[in-house]
PDB file of N, CA and C in Angstrom:
ATOM      1  N   MET A   1       0.852  -1.165   0.000  1.00  0.00           N
ATOM      2  CA  MET A   1       0.000   0.000   0.000  1.00  0.00           C
ATOM      3  C   MET A   1       0.900   1.230   0.000  1.00  0.00           C
ATOM      4  N   ARG A   2       0.481   2.242  -0.720  1.00  0.00           N
ATOM      5  CA  ARG A   2       1.235   3.496  -0.783  1.00  0.00           C
ATOM      6  C   ARG A   2       0.353   4.613  -0.216  1.00  0.00           C
ATOM      7  N   ILE A   3       0.914   5.317   0.777  1.00  0.00           N
ATOM      8  CA  ILE A   3       0.176   6.354   1.490  1.00  0.00           C
ATOM      9  C   ILE A   3       0.874   7.696   1.295  1.00  0.00           C
ATOM     10  N   ALA A   4       0.099   8.738   0.998  1.00  0.00           N
ATOM     11  CA  ALA A   4       0.625  10.098   0.877  1.00  0.00           C
ATOM     12  C   ALA A   4       0.133  10.925   2.058  1.00  0.00           C
ATOM     13  N   LEU A   5       1.024  11.777   2.589  1.00  0.00           N
ATOM     14  CA  LEU A   5       0.685  12.650   3.709  1.00  0.00           C
ATOM     15  C   LEU A   5       1.311  14.018   3.497  1.00  0.00           C
ATOM     16  N   PRO A   6       0.550  15.112   3.686  1.00  0.00           N
ATOM     17  CA  PRO A   6       1.156  16.440   3.634  1.00  0.00           C
ATOM     18  C   PRO A   6       1.973  16.640   4.906  1.00  0.00           C
ATOM     19  N   VAL A   7       3.214  17.095   4.767  1.00  0.00           N
ATOM     20  CA  VAL A   7       4.093  17.210   5.935  1.00  0.00           C
ATOM     21  C   VAL A   7       4.743  18.584   6.006  1.00  0.00           C
ATOM     22  N   LYS A   8       5.270  18.895   7.181  1.00  0.00           N
ATOM     23  CA  LYS A   8       5.829  20.224   7.412  1.00  0.00           C
ATOM     24  C   LYS A   8       7.163  20.445   6.724  1.00  0.00           C
ATOM     25  N   TYR A   9       8.079  19.454   6.815  1.00  0.00           N
ATOM     26  CA  TYR A   9       9.444  19.696   6.338  1.00  0.00           C
ATOM     27  C   TYR A   9       9.967  18.671   5.333  1.00  0.00           C
ATOM     28  N   GLY A  10       9.358  17.510   5.256  1.00  0.00           N
ATOM     29  CA  GLY A  10       9.825  16.489   4.329  1.00  0.00           C
ATOM     30  C   GLY A  10      11.128  15.849   4.749  1.00  0.00           C
ATOM     31  N   THR A  11      11.399  15.792   6.053  1.00  0.00           N
ATOM     32  CA  THR A  11      12.697  15.345   6.540  1.00  0.00           C
ATOM     33  C   THR A  11      12.765  13.876   6.942  1.00  0.00           C
ATOM     34  N   GLY A  12      11.640  13.216   7.109  1.00  0.00           N
ATOM     35  CA  GLY A  12      11.678  11.809   7.503  1.00  0.00           C
ATOM     36  C   GLY A  12      10.441  11.392   8.256  1.00  0.00           C
ATOM     37  N   LEU A  13      10.466  10.187   8.769  1.00  0.00           N
ATOM     38  CA  LEU A  13       9.305   9.607   9.433  1.00  0.00           C
ATOM     39  C   LEU A  13       8.933  10.296  10.743  1.00  0.00           C
ATOM     40  N   GLU A  14       9.832  11.104  11.286  1.00  0.00           N
ATOM     41  CA  GLU A  14       9.540  11.859  12.509  1.00  0.00           C
ATOM     42  C   GLU A  14       8.822  13.177  12.204  1.00  0.00           C
ATOM     43  N   ASP A  15       8.734  13.542  10.931  1.00  0.00           N
ATOM     44  CA  ASP A  15       8.069  14.777  10.517  1.00  0.00           C
ATOM     45  C   ASP A  15       6.594  14.719  10.891  1.00  0.00           C
ATOM     46  N   GLU A  16       6.000  15.881  11.112  1.00  0.00           N
ATOM     47  CA  GLU A  16       4.593  15.988  11.495  1.00  0.00           C
ATOM     48  C   GLU A  16       3.718  16.306  10.286  1.00  0.00           C
ATOM     49  N   ILE A  17       2.485  15.837  10.346  1.00  0.00           N
ATOM     50  CA  ILE A  17       1.505  16.153   9.312  1.00  0.00           C
ATOM     51  C   ILE A  17       1.221  17.657   9.330  1.00  0.00           C
ATOM     52  N   GLU A  18       1.192  18.249   8.154  1.00  0.00           N
ATOM     53  CA  GLU A  18       0.855  19.670   8.001  1.00  0.00           C
ATOM     54  C   GLU A  18      -0.643  19.834   8.254  1.00  0.00           C
ATOM     55  N   GLU A  19      -1.007  20.945   8.885  1.00  0.00           N
ATOM     56  CA  GLU A  19      -2.410  21.130   9.258  1.00  0.00           C
ATOM     57  C   GLU A  19      -3.345  21.227   8.051  1.00  0.00           C
ATOM     58  N   HIS A  20      -2.955  21.906   7.008  1.00  0.00           N
ATOM     59  CA  HIS A  20      -3.843  22.104   5.854  1.00  0.00           C
ATOM     60  C   HIS A  20      -3.231  21.459   4.614  1.00  0.00           C
ATOM     61  N   PHE A  21      -3.929  20.523   4.059  1.00  0.00           N
ATOM     62  CA  PHE A  21      -3.494  19.746   2.908  1.00  0.00           C
ATOM     63  C   PHE A  21      -2.951  20.617   1.775  1.00  0.00           C
ATOM     64  N   GLY A  22      -3.698  21.607   1.346  1.00  0.00           N
ATOM     65  CA  GLY A  22      -3.343  22.417   0.182  1.00  0.00           C
ATOM     66  C   GLY A  22      -2.241  23.426   0.410  1.00  0.00           C
ATOM     67  N   ARG A  23      -1.815  23.604   1.659  1.00  0.00           N
ATOM     68  CA  ARG A  23      -0.762  24.575   1.946  1.00  0.00           C
ATOM     69  C   ARG A  23       0.574  23.916   2.251  1.00  0.00           C
ATOM     70  N   ALA A  24       0.619  22.601   2.225  1.00  0.00           N
ATOM     71  CA  ALA A  24       1.869  21.887   2.523  1.00  0.00           C
ATOM     72  C   ALA A  24       2.885  22.123   1.406  1.00  0.00           C
ATOM     73  N   SER A  25       4.136  22.303   1.806  1.00  0.00           N
ATOM     74  CA  SER A  25       5.217  22.445   0.835  1.00  0.00           C
ATOM     75  C   SER A  25       5.809  21.102   0.441  1.00  0.00           C
ATOM     76  N   PHE A  26       5.590  20.092   1.296  1.00  0.00           N
ATOM     77  CA  PHE A  26       6.136  18.757   1.064  1.00  0.00           C
ATOM     78  C   PHE A  26       5.067  17.701   1.289  1.00  0.00           C
ATOM     79  N   TYR A  27       5.211  16.605   0.581  1.00  0.00           N
ATOM     80  CA  TYR A  27       4.358  15.431   0.786  1.00  0.00           C
ATOM     81  C   TYR A  27       5.257  14.218   0.970  1.00  0.00           C
ATOM     82  N   ALA A  28       4.927  13.434   1.972  1.00  0.00           N
ATOM     83  CA  ALA A  28       5.626  12.173   2.195  1.00  0.00           C
ATOM     84  C   ALA A  28       4.852  11.087   1.461  1.00  0.00           C
ATOM     85  N   ILE A  29       5.573  10.190   0.831  1.00  0.00           N
ATOM     86  CA  ILE A  29       4.995   9.004   0.205  1.00  0.00           C
ATOM     87  C   ILE A  29       5.612   7.815   0.946  1.00  0.00           C
ATOM     88  N   VAL A  30       4.760   7.017   1.567  1.00  0.00           N
ATOM     89  CA  VAL A  30       5.219   5.917   2.398  1.00  0.00           C
ATOM     90  C   VAL A  30       4.657   4.613   1.851  1.00  0.00           C
ATOM     91  N   ASP A  31       5.530   3.648   1.621  1.00  0.00           N
ATOM     92  CA  ASP A  31       5.096   2.310   1.211  1.00  0.00           C
ATOM     93  C   ASP A  31       5.033   1.422   2.442  1.00  0.00           C
ATOM     94  N   VAL A  32       3.962   0.631   2.511  1.00  0.00           N
ATOM     95  CA  VAL A  32       3.746  -0.273   3.635  1.00  0.00           C
ATOM     96  C   VAL A  32       3.536  -1.677   3.073  1.00  0.00           C
ATOM     97  N   ASP A  33       4.216  -2.670   3.666  1.00  0.00           N
ATOM     98  CA  ASP A  33       4.064  -4.047   3.170  1.00  0.00           C
ATOM     99  C   ASP A  33       2.853  -4.738   3.807  1.00  0.00           C
ATOM    100  N   GLU A  34       2.644  -5.989   3.435  1.00  0.00           N
ATOM    101  CA  GLU A  34       1.482  -6.745   3.885  1.00  0.00           C
ATOM    102  C   GLU A  34       1.440  -6.914   5.405  1.00  0.00           C
ATOM    103  N   SER A  35       2.606  -6.896   6.042  1.00  0.00           N
ATOM    104  CA  SER A  35       2.649  -7.056   7.496  1.00  0.00           C
ATOM    105  C   SER A  35       2.458  -5.731   8.233  1.00  0.00           C
ATOM    106  N   GLY A  36       2.322  -4.637   7.479  1.00  0.00           N
ATOM    107  CA  GLY A  36       2.098  -3.332   8.082  1.00  0.00           C
ATOM    108  C   GLY A  36       3.359  -2.549   8.379  1.00  0.00           C
ATOM    109  N   GLU A  37       4.498  -3.044   7.914  1.00  0.00           N
ATOM    110  CA  GLU A  37       5.766  -2.360   8.149  1.00  0.00           C
ATOM    111  C   GLU A  37       6.054  -1.347   7.041  1.00  0.00           C
ATOM    112  N   ILE A  38       6.604  -0.212   7.430  1.00  0.00           N
ATOM    113  CA  ILE A  38       7.011   0.805   6.465  1.00  0.00           C
ATOM    114  C   ILE A  38       8.271   0.311   5.767  1.00  0.00           C
ATOM    115  N   THR A  39       8.211   0.221   4.448  1.00  0.00           N
ATOM    116  CA  THR A  39       9.349  -0.290   3.680  1.00  0.00           C
ATOM    117  C   THR A  39      10.071   0.798   2.888  1.00  0.00           C
ATOM    118  N   ARG A  40       9.413   1.944   2.721  1.00  0.00           N
ATOM    119  CA  ARG A  40      10.039   3.016   1.930  1.00  0.00           C
ATOM    120  C   ARG A  40       9.435   4.352   2.313  1.00  0.00           C
ATOM    121  N   PHE A  41      10.290   5.359   2.384  1.00  0.00           N
ATOM    122  CA  PHE A  41       9.870   6.732   2.627  1.00  0.00           C
ATOM    123  C   PHE A  41      10.452   7.606   1.528  1.00  0.00           C
ATOM    124  N   GLN A  42       9.609   8.429   0.958  1.00  0.00           N
ATOM    125  CA  GLN A  42      10.054   9.422  -0.022  1.00  0.00           C
ATOM    126  C   GLN A  42       9.477  10.770   0.384  1.00  0.00           C
ATOM    127  N   SER A  43      10.199  11.826   0.106  1.00  0.00           N
ATOM    128  CA  SER A  43       9.702  13.173   0.339  1.00  0.00           C
ATOM    129  C   SER A  43       9.745  13.912  -0.988  1.00  0.00           C
ATOM    130  N   HIS A  44       8.658  14.592  -1.298  1.00  0.00           N
ATOM    131  CA  HIS A  44       8.584  15.343  -2.553  1.00  0.00           C
ATOM    132  C   HIS A  44       8.116  16.758  -2.276  1.00  0.00           C
ATOM    133  N   GLU A  45       8.869  17.716  -2.778  1.00  0.00           N
ATOM    134  CA  GLU A  45       8.446  19.109  -2.667  1.00  0.00           C
ATOM    135  C   GLU A  45       7.380  19.372  -3.717  1.00  0.00           C
ATOM    136  N   VAL A  46       6.365  20.108  -3.339  1.00  0.00           N
ATOM    137  CA  VAL A  46       5.289  20.444  -4.267  1.00  0.00           C
ATOM    138  C   VAL A  46       5.890  21.254  -5.414  1.00  0.00           C
ATOM    139  N   PRO A  47       5.619  20.862  -6.663  1.00  0.00           N
ATOM    140  CA  PRO A  47       6.266  21.523  -7.794  1.00  0.00           C
ATOM    141  C   PRO A  47       5.655  22.868  -8.183  1.00  0.00           C
ATOM    142  N   PHE A  48       4.611  23.281  -7.484  1.00  0.00           N
ATOM    143  CA  PHE A  48       3.978  24.566  -7.794  1.00  0.00           C
ATOM    144  C   PHE A  48       3.538  25.223  -6.490  1.00  0.00           C
ATOM    145  N   ARG A  49       3.670  26.522  -6.413  1.00  0.00           N
ATOM    146  CA  ARG A  49       3.253  27.264  -5.213  1.00  0.00           C
ATOM    147  C   ARG A  49       1.788  27.661  -5.312  1.00  0.00           C
ATOM    148  N   GLU A  50       1.382  28.088  -6.453  1.00  0.00           N
ATOM    149  CA  GLU A  50      -0.028  28.395  -6.690  1.00  0.00           C
ATOM    150  C   GLU A  50      -0.630  27.193  -7.389  1.00  0.00           C
ATOM    151  N   HIS A  51      -1.793  26.785  -6.939  1.00  0.00           N
ATOM    152  CA  HIS A  51      -2.419  25.623  -7.568  1.00  0.00           C
ATOM    153  C   HIS A  51      -3.912  25.832  -7.675  1.00  0.00           C
ATOM    154  N   GLY A  52      -4.481  25.172  -8.656  1.00  0.00           N
ATOM    155  CA  GLY A  52      -5.917  25.223  -8.858  1.00  0.00           C
ATOM    156  C   GLY A  52      -6.567  23.936  -8.373  1.00  0.00           C
ATOM    157  N   PRO A  53      -7.879  23.895  -8.433  1.00  0.00           N
ATOM    158  CA  PRO A  53      -8.590  22.693  -8.000  1.00  0.00           C
ATOM    159  C   PRO A  53      -8.098  21.465  -8.771  1.00  0.00           C
ATOM    160  N   GLY A  54      -7.777  20.434  -8.037  1.00  0.00           N
ATOM    161  CA  GLY A  54      -7.358  19.175  -8.652  1.00  0.00           C
ATOM    162  C   GLY A  54      -5.883  19.043  -8.958  1.00  0.00           C
ATOM    163  N   ASP A  55      -5.112  20.133  -8.848  1.00  0.00           N
ATOM    164  CA  ASP A  55      -3.687  20.056  -9.176  1.00  0.00           C
ATOM    165  C   ASP A  55      -2.925  19.116  -8.242  1.00  0.00           C
ATOM    166  N   ILE A  56      -3.104  19.290  -6.949  1.00  0.00           N
ATOM    167  CA  ILE A  56      -2.382  18.436  -6.000  1.00  0.00           C
ATOM    168  C   ILE A  56      -2.887  16.998  -6.057  1.00  0.00           C
ATOM    169  N   PRO A  57      -4.207  16.754  -6.071  1.00  0.00           N
ATOM    170  CA  PRO A  57      -4.648  15.365  -6.234  1.00  0.00           C
ATOM    171  C   PRO A  57      -4.113  14.718  -7.517  1.00  0.00           C
ATOM    172  N   GLY A  58      -4.090  15.456  -8.607  1.00  0.00           N
ATOM    173  CA  GLY A  58      -3.565  14.909  -9.861  1.00  0.00           C
ATOM    174  C   GLY A  58      -2.088  14.601  -9.776  1.00  0.00           C
ATOM    175  N   TRP A  59      -1.334  15.482  -9.116  1.00  0.00           N
ATOM    176  CA  TRP A  59       0.097  15.280  -8.927  1.00  0.00           C
ATOM    177  C   TRP A  59       0.348  14.034  -8.077  1.00  0.00           C
ATOM    178  N   LEU A  60      -0.384  13.896  -6.974  1.00  0.00           N
ATOM    179  CA  LEU A  60      -0.208  12.731  -6.102  1.00  0.00           C
ATOM    180  C   LEU A  60      -0.670  11.437  -6.777  1.00  0.00           C
ATOM    181  N   LYS A  61      -1.669  11.524  -7.628  1.00  0.00           N
ATOM    182  CA  LYS A  61      -2.119  10.348  -8.377  1.00  0.00           C
ATOM    183  C   LYS A  61      -0.961   9.785  -9.204  1.00  0.00           C
ATOM    184  N   GLY A  62      -0.096  10.656  -9.682  1.00  0.00           N
ATOM    185  CA  GLY A  62       1.055  10.232 -10.466  1.00  0.00           C
ATOM    186  C   GLY A  62       2.049   9.374  -9.693  1.00  0.00           C
ATOM    187  N   PHE A  63       1.952   9.378  -8.370  1.00  0.00           N
ATOM    188  CA  PHE A  63       2.805   8.535  -7.533  1.00  0.00           C
ATOM    189  C   PHE A  63       2.136   7.197  -7.204  1.00  0.00           C
ATOM    190  N   ASP A  64       0.973   6.950  -7.791  1.00  0.00           N
ATOM    191  CA  ASP A  64       0.222   5.702  -7.581  1.00  0.00           C
ATOM    192  C   ASP A  64      -0.122   5.474  -6.114  1.00  0.00           C
ATOM    193  N   VAL A  65      -0.559   6.524  -5.423  1.00  0.00           N
ATOM    194  CA  VAL A  65      -0.943   6.367  -4.026  1.00  0.00           C
ATOM    195  C   VAL A  65      -2.318   5.697  -3.928  1.00  0.00           C
ATOM    196  N   ASP A  66      -2.486   4.946  -2.860  1.00  0.00           N
ATOM    197  CA  ASP A  66      -3.757   4.276  -2.575  1.00  0.00           C
ATOM    198  C   ASP A  66      -4.583   5.052  -1.563  1.00  0.00           C
ATOM    199  N   VAL A  67      -3.894   5.765  -0.668  1.00  0.00           N
ATOM    200  CA  VAL A  67      -4.534   6.461   0.447  1.00  0.00           C
ATOM    201  C   VAL A  67      -3.854   7.805   0.656  1.00  0.00           C
ATOM    202  N   VAL A  68      -4.642   8.818   1.009  1.00  0.00           N
ATOM    203  CA  VAL A  68      -4.109  10.100   1.444  1.00  0.00           C
ATOM    204  C   VAL A  68      -4.613  10.323   2.863  1.00  0.00           C
ATOM    205  N   ILE A  69      -3.678  10.587   3.776  1.00  0.00           N
ATOM    206  CA  ILE A  69      -4.029  10.873   5.161  1.00  0.00           C
ATOM    207  C   ILE A  69      -3.629  12.308   5.444  1.00  0.00           C
ATOM    208  N   ALA A  70      -4.579  13.110   5.937  1.00  0.00           N
ATOM    209  CA  ALA A  70      -4.319  14.529   6.176  1.00  0.00           C
ATOM    210  C   ALA A  70      -5.066  14.996   7.418  1.00  0.00           C
ATOM    211  N   ARG A  71      -4.728  16.170   7.868  1.00  0.00           N
ATOM    212  CA  ARG A  71      -5.465  16.806   8.964  1.00  0.00           C
ATOM    213  C   ARG A  71      -6.743  17.401   8.395  1.00  0.00           C
ATOM    214  N   GLY A  72      -6.576  18.335   7.461  1.00  0.00           N
ATOM    215  CA  GLY A  72      -7.725  18.993   6.855  1.00  0.00           C
ATOM    216  C   GLY A  72      -7.599  19.025   5.351  1.00  0.00           C
ATOM    217  N   MET A  73      -8.757  19.014   4.698  1.00  0.00           N
ATOM    218  CA  MET A  73      -8.768  19.006   3.235  1.00  0.00           C
ATOM    219  C   MET A  73     -10.121  19.554   2.765  1.00  0.00           C
ATOM    220  N   GLY A  74     -10.089  20.362   1.719  1.00  0.00           N
ATOM    221  CA  GLY A  74     -11.321  20.902   1.163  1.00  0.00           C
ATOM    222  C   GLY A  74     -12.139  19.834   0.445  1.00  0.00           C
ATOM    223  N   HIS A  75     -13.419  20.101   0.324  1.00  0.00           N
ATOM    224  CA  HIS A  75     -14.330  19.141  -0.299  1.00  0.00           C
ATOM    225  C   HIS A  75     -13.984  18.843  -1.758  1.00  0.00           C
ATOM    226  N   ARG A  76     -13.511  19.846  -2.471  1.00  0.00           N
ATOM    227  CA  ARG A  76     -13.175  19.611  -3.881  1.00  0.00           C
ATOM    228  C   ARG A  76     -12.000  18.656  -4.020  1.00  0.00           C
ATOM    229  N   ALA A  77     -10.995  18.802  -3.156  1.00  0.00           N
ATOM    230  CA  ALA A  77      -9.856  17.884  -3.194  1.00  0.00           C
ATOM    231  C   ALA A  77     -10.318  16.463  -2.895  1.00  0.00           C
ATOM    232  N   VAL A  78     -11.186  16.312  -1.903  1.00  0.00           N
ATOM    233  CA  VAL A  78     -11.728  14.982  -1.572  1.00  0.00           C
ATOM    234  C   VAL A  78     -12.440  14.405  -2.789  1.00  0.00           C
ATOM    235  N   ASP A  79     -13.223  15.211  -3.469  1.00  0.00           N
ATOM    236  CA  ASP A  79     -13.944  14.744  -4.666  1.00  0.00           C
ATOM    237  C   ASP A  79     -12.978  14.275  -5.751  1.00  0.00           C
ATOM    238  N   PHE A  80     -11.890  15.021  -5.963  1.00  0.00           N
ATOM    239  CA  PHE A  80     -10.905  14.602  -6.967  1.00  0.00           C
ATOM    240  C   PHE A  80     -10.287  13.261  -6.594  1.00  0.00           C
ATOM    241  N   PHE A  81      -9.878  13.114  -5.338  1.00  0.00           N
ATOM    242  CA  PHE A  81      -9.310  11.840  -4.914  1.00  0.00           C
ATOM    243  C   PHE A  81     -10.302  10.701  -5.097  1.00  0.00           C
ATOM    244  N   ASN A  82     -11.548  10.940  -4.747  1.00  0.00           N
ATOM    245  CA  ASN A  82     -12.574   9.907  -4.921  1.00  0.00           C
ATOM    246  C   ASN A  82     -12.702   9.504  -6.390  1.00  0.00           C
ATOM    247  N   LYS A  83     -12.664  10.474  -7.280  1.00  0.00           N
ATOM    248  CA  LYS A  83     -12.736  10.170  -8.718  1.00  0.00           C
ATOM    249  C   LYS A  83     -11.543   9.353  -9.181  1.00  0.00           C
ATOM    250  N   PHE A  84     -10.389   9.558  -8.537  1.00  0.00           N
ATOM    251  CA  PHE A  84      -9.175   8.811  -8.882  1.00  0.00           C
ATOM    252  C   PHE A  84      -9.109   7.449  -8.195  1.00  0.00           C
ATOM    253  N   GLY A  85     -10.089   7.145  -7.347  1.00  0.00           N
ATOM    254  CA  GLY A  85     -10.085   5.872  -6.634  1.00  0.00           C
ATOM    255  C   GLY A  85      -9.112   5.833  -5.472  1.00  0.00           C
ATOM    256  N   ILE A  86      -8.771   7.004  -4.933  1.00  0.00           N
ATOM    257  CA  ILE A  86      -7.841   7.105  -3.817  1.00  0.00           C
ATOM    258  C   ILE A  86      -8.636   7.384  -2.544  1.00  0.00           C
ATOM    259  N   LYS A  87      -8.416   6.570  -1.527  1.00  0.00           N
ATOM    260  CA  LYS A  87      -9.099   6.727  -0.242  1.00  0.00           C
ATOM    261  C   LYS A  87      -8.561   7.959   0.466  1.00  0.00           C
ATOM    262  N   VAL A  88      -9.447   8.710   1.124  1.00  0.00           N
ATOM    263  CA  VAL A  88      -9.068   9.909   1.865  1.00  0.00           C
ATOM    264  C   VAL A  88      -9.418   9.720   3.336  1.00  0.00           C
ATOM    265  N   VAL A  89      -8.448  10.017   4.198  1.00  0.00           N
ATOM    266  CA  VAL A  89      -8.662  10.012   5.641  1.00  0.00           C
ATOM    267  C   VAL A  89      -8.283  11.391   6.146  1.00  0.00           C
ATOM    268  N   THR A  90      -9.211  12.095   6.794  1.00  0.00           N
ATOM    269  CA  THR A  90      -8.917  13.419   7.337  1.00  0.00           C
ATOM    270  C   THR A  90      -9.064  13.403   8.855  1.00  0.00           C
ATOM    271  N   GLY A  91      -8.558  14.458   9.463  1.00  0.00           N
ATOM    272  CA  GLY A  91      -8.641  14.600  10.912  1.00  0.00           C
ATOM    273  C   GLY A  91      -7.472  13.984  11.648  1.00  0.00           C
ATOM    274  N   ALA A  92      -6.425  13.593  10.923  1.00  0.00           N
ATOM    275  CA  ALA A  92      -5.257  12.955  11.540  1.00  0.00           C
ATOM    276  C   ALA A  92      -4.209  14.000  11.891  1.00  0.00           C
ATOM    277  N   SER A  93      -3.465  13.720  12.933  1.00  0.00           N
ATOM    278  CA  SER A  93      -2.347  14.593  13.296  1.00  0.00           C
ATOM    279  C   SER A  93      -1.279  13.755  13.981  1.00  0.00           C
ATOM    280  N   GLY A  94      -0.064  14.285  13.967  1.00  0.00           N
ATOM    281  CA  GLY A  94       1.043  13.592  14.615  1.00  0.00           C
ATOM    282  C   GLY A  94       2.174  13.302  13.665  1.00  0.00           C
ATOM    283  N   LYS A  95       3.100  12.465  14.138  1.00  0.00           N
ATOM    284  CA  LYS A  95       4.264  12.081  13.347  1.00  0.00           C
ATOM    285  C   LYS A  95       3.864  11.061  12.286  1.00  0.00           C
ATOM    286  N   ILE A  96       4.523  11.140  11.135  1.00  0.00           N
ATOM    287  CA  ILE A  96       4.231  10.248  10.020  1.00  0.00           C
ATOM    288  C   ILE A  96       4.248   8.790  10.457  1.00  0.00           C
ATOM    289  N   LYS A  97       5.329   8.366  11.099  1.00  0.00           N
ATOM    290  CA  LYS A  97       5.464   6.949  11.450  1.00  0.00           C
ATOM    291  C   LYS A  97       4.333   6.488  12.357  1.00  0.00           C
ATOM    292  N   ASP A  98       3.920   7.316  13.299  1.00  0.00           N
ATOM    293  CA  ASP A  98       2.841   6.947  14.219  1.00  0.00           C
ATOM    294  C   ASP A  98       1.500   6.883  13.503  1.00  0.00           C
ATOM    295  N   VAL A  99       1.232   7.887  12.677  1.00  0.00           N
ATOM    296  CA  VAL A  99      -0.037   7.934  11.950  1.00  0.00           C
ATOM    297  C   VAL A  99      -0.163   6.737  11.010  1.00  0.00           C
ATOM    298  N   VAL A 100       0.893   6.424  10.275  1.00  0.00           N
ATOM    299  CA  VAL A 100       0.857   5.299   9.334  1.00  0.00           C
ATOM    300  C   VAL A 100       0.653   3.985  10.078  1.00  0.00           C
ATOM    301  N   HIS A 101       1.414   3.770  11.154  1.00  0.00           N
ATOM    302  CA  HIS A 101       1.265   2.519  11.901  1.00  0.00           C
ATOM    303  C   HIS A 101      -0.140   2.376  12.484  1.00  0.00           C
ATOM    304  N   GLN A 102      -0.685   3.466  13.015  1.00  0.00           N
ATOM    305  CA  GLN A 102      -2.035   3.421  13.571  1.00  0.00           C
ATOM    306  C   GLN A 102      -3.071   3.165  12.478  1.00  0.00           C
ATOM    307  N   PHE A 103      -2.889   3.789  11.321  1.00  0.00           N
ATOM    308  CA  PHE A 103      -3.825   3.577  10.217  1.00  0.00           C
ATOM    309  C   PHE A 103      -3.826   2.116   9.783  1.00  0.00           C
ATOM    310  N   VAL A 104      -2.652   1.561   9.593  1.00  0.00           N
ATOM    311  CA  VAL A 104      -2.534   0.180   9.134  1.00  0.00           C
ATOM    312  C   VAL A 104      -3.153  -0.792  10.139  1.00  0.00           C
ATOM    313  N   LYS A 105      -3.004  -0.488  11.425  1.00  0.00           N
ATOM    314  CA  LYS A 105      -3.569  -1.353  12.472  1.00  0.00           C
ATOM    315  C   LYS A 105      -5.065  -1.110  12.684  1.00  0.00           C
ATOM    316  N   GLY A 106      -5.606  -0.077  12.026  1.00  0.00           N
ATOM    317  CA  GLY A 106      -7.026   0.225  12.168  1.00  0.00           C
ATOM    318  C   GLY A 106      -7.372   0.935  13.466  1.00  0.00           C
ATOM    319  N   ILE A 107      -6.382   1.600  14.062  1.00  0.00           N
ATOM    320  CA  ILE A 107      -6.620   2.287  15.340  1.00  0.00           C
ATOM    321  C   ILE A 107      -6.330   3.783  15.266  1.00  0.00           C
ATOM    322  N   LEU A 108      -6.251   4.323  14.071  1.00  0.00           N
ATOM    323  CA  LEU A 108      -5.962   5.748  13.921  1.00  0.00           C
ATOM    324  C   LEU A 108      -7.147   6.557  14.424  1.00  0.00           C
ATOM    325  N   GLU A 109      -6.878   7.419  15.389  1.00  0.00           N
ATOM    326  CA  GLU A 109      -7.914   8.310  15.902  1.00  0.00           C
ATOM    327  C   GLU A 109      -7.879   9.597  15.090  1.00  0.00           C
ATOM    328  N   THR A 110      -9.053   9.996  14.630  1.00  0.00           N
ATOM    329  CA  THR A 110      -9.154  11.230  13.862  1.00  0.00           C
ATOM    330  C   THR A 110     -10.173  12.140  14.528  1.00  0.00           C
ATOM    331  N   GLU A 111     -10.005  13.423  14.289  1.00  0.00           N
ATOM    332  CA  GLU A 111     -10.948  14.413  14.774  1.00  0.00           C
ATOM    333  C   GLU A 111     -11.749  14.926  13.596  1.00  0.00           C
ATOM    334  N   GLU A 112     -12.984  15.258  13.840  1.00  0.00           N
ATOM    335  CA  GLU A 112     -13.790  15.847  12.766  1.00  0.00           C
ATOM    336  C   GLU A 112     -13.155  17.161  12.381  1.00  0.00           C
ATOM    337  N   TRP A 113     -12.970  17.379  11.087  1.00  0.00           N
ATOM    338  CA  TRP A 113     -12.284  18.569  10.629  1.00  0.00           C
ATOM    339  C   TRP A 113     -12.987  19.087   9.394  1.00  0.00           C
ATOM    340  N   GLU A 114     -13.339  20.342   9.433  1.00  0.00           N
ATOM    341  CA  GLU A 114     -14.045  20.975   8.317  1.00  0.00           C
ATOM    342  C   GLU A 114     -13.201  22.110   7.778  1.00  0.00           C
ATOM    343  N   CYS A 115     -12.960  22.110   6.485  1.00  0.00           N
ATOM    344  CA  CYS A 115     -12.184  23.169   5.861  1.00  0.00           C
ATOM    345  C   CYS A 115     -13.134  24.278   5.401  1.00  0.00           C
ATOM    346  N   ASP A 116     -12.972  25.462   5.964  1.00  0.00           N
ATOM    347  CA  ASP A 116     -13.844  26.583   5.618  1.00  0.00           C
ATOM    348  C   ASP A 116     -13.250  27.492   4.559  1.00  0.00           C
ATOM    349  N   ASP A 117     -12.010  27.235   4.159  1.00  0.00           N
ATOM    350  CA  ASP A 117     -11.301  28.156   3.272  1.00  0.00           C
ATOM    351  C   ASP A 117     -11.819  28.183   1.840  1.00  0.00           C
ATOM    352  N   HIS A 118     -12.576  27.164   1.456  1.00  0.00           N
ATOM    353  CA  HIS A 118     -12.905  27.050   0.035  1.00  0.00           C
ATOM    354  C   HIS A 118     -14.380  27.258  -0.274  1.00  0.00           C
ATOM    355  N   GLY A 119     -15.124  27.703   0.693  1.00  0.00           N
ATOM    356  CA  GLY A 119     -16.523  28.038   0.454  1.00  0.00           C
ATOM    357  C   GLY A 119     -17.428  26.868   0.260  1.00  0.00           C
TER     358      GLY A 119
END
């Protein structure tokens, strides 16, 4: 399974999830094997500072991600991911390694999160 997460610095598995999906400068791409272990970590800087609806979901789709885990995300971004067949989990916070392990084990606690920035 390949999981994408918006992160603050793109420095490694200890990095924290960025609060707002569309404002992250970096995205972590994490591969997880059948046993739930992280087998690969990649960090990618967003290739554009200004983006339109669907730009980030389309960019992440190019990495063949199966799941996107974020703190907050606008409804349009969620719709794009759904159209691409990518699962979206919102309301998550914490370190990448902890969030991924909790998600894989089915124990990830999320908070209800509503993005008001996009109307």
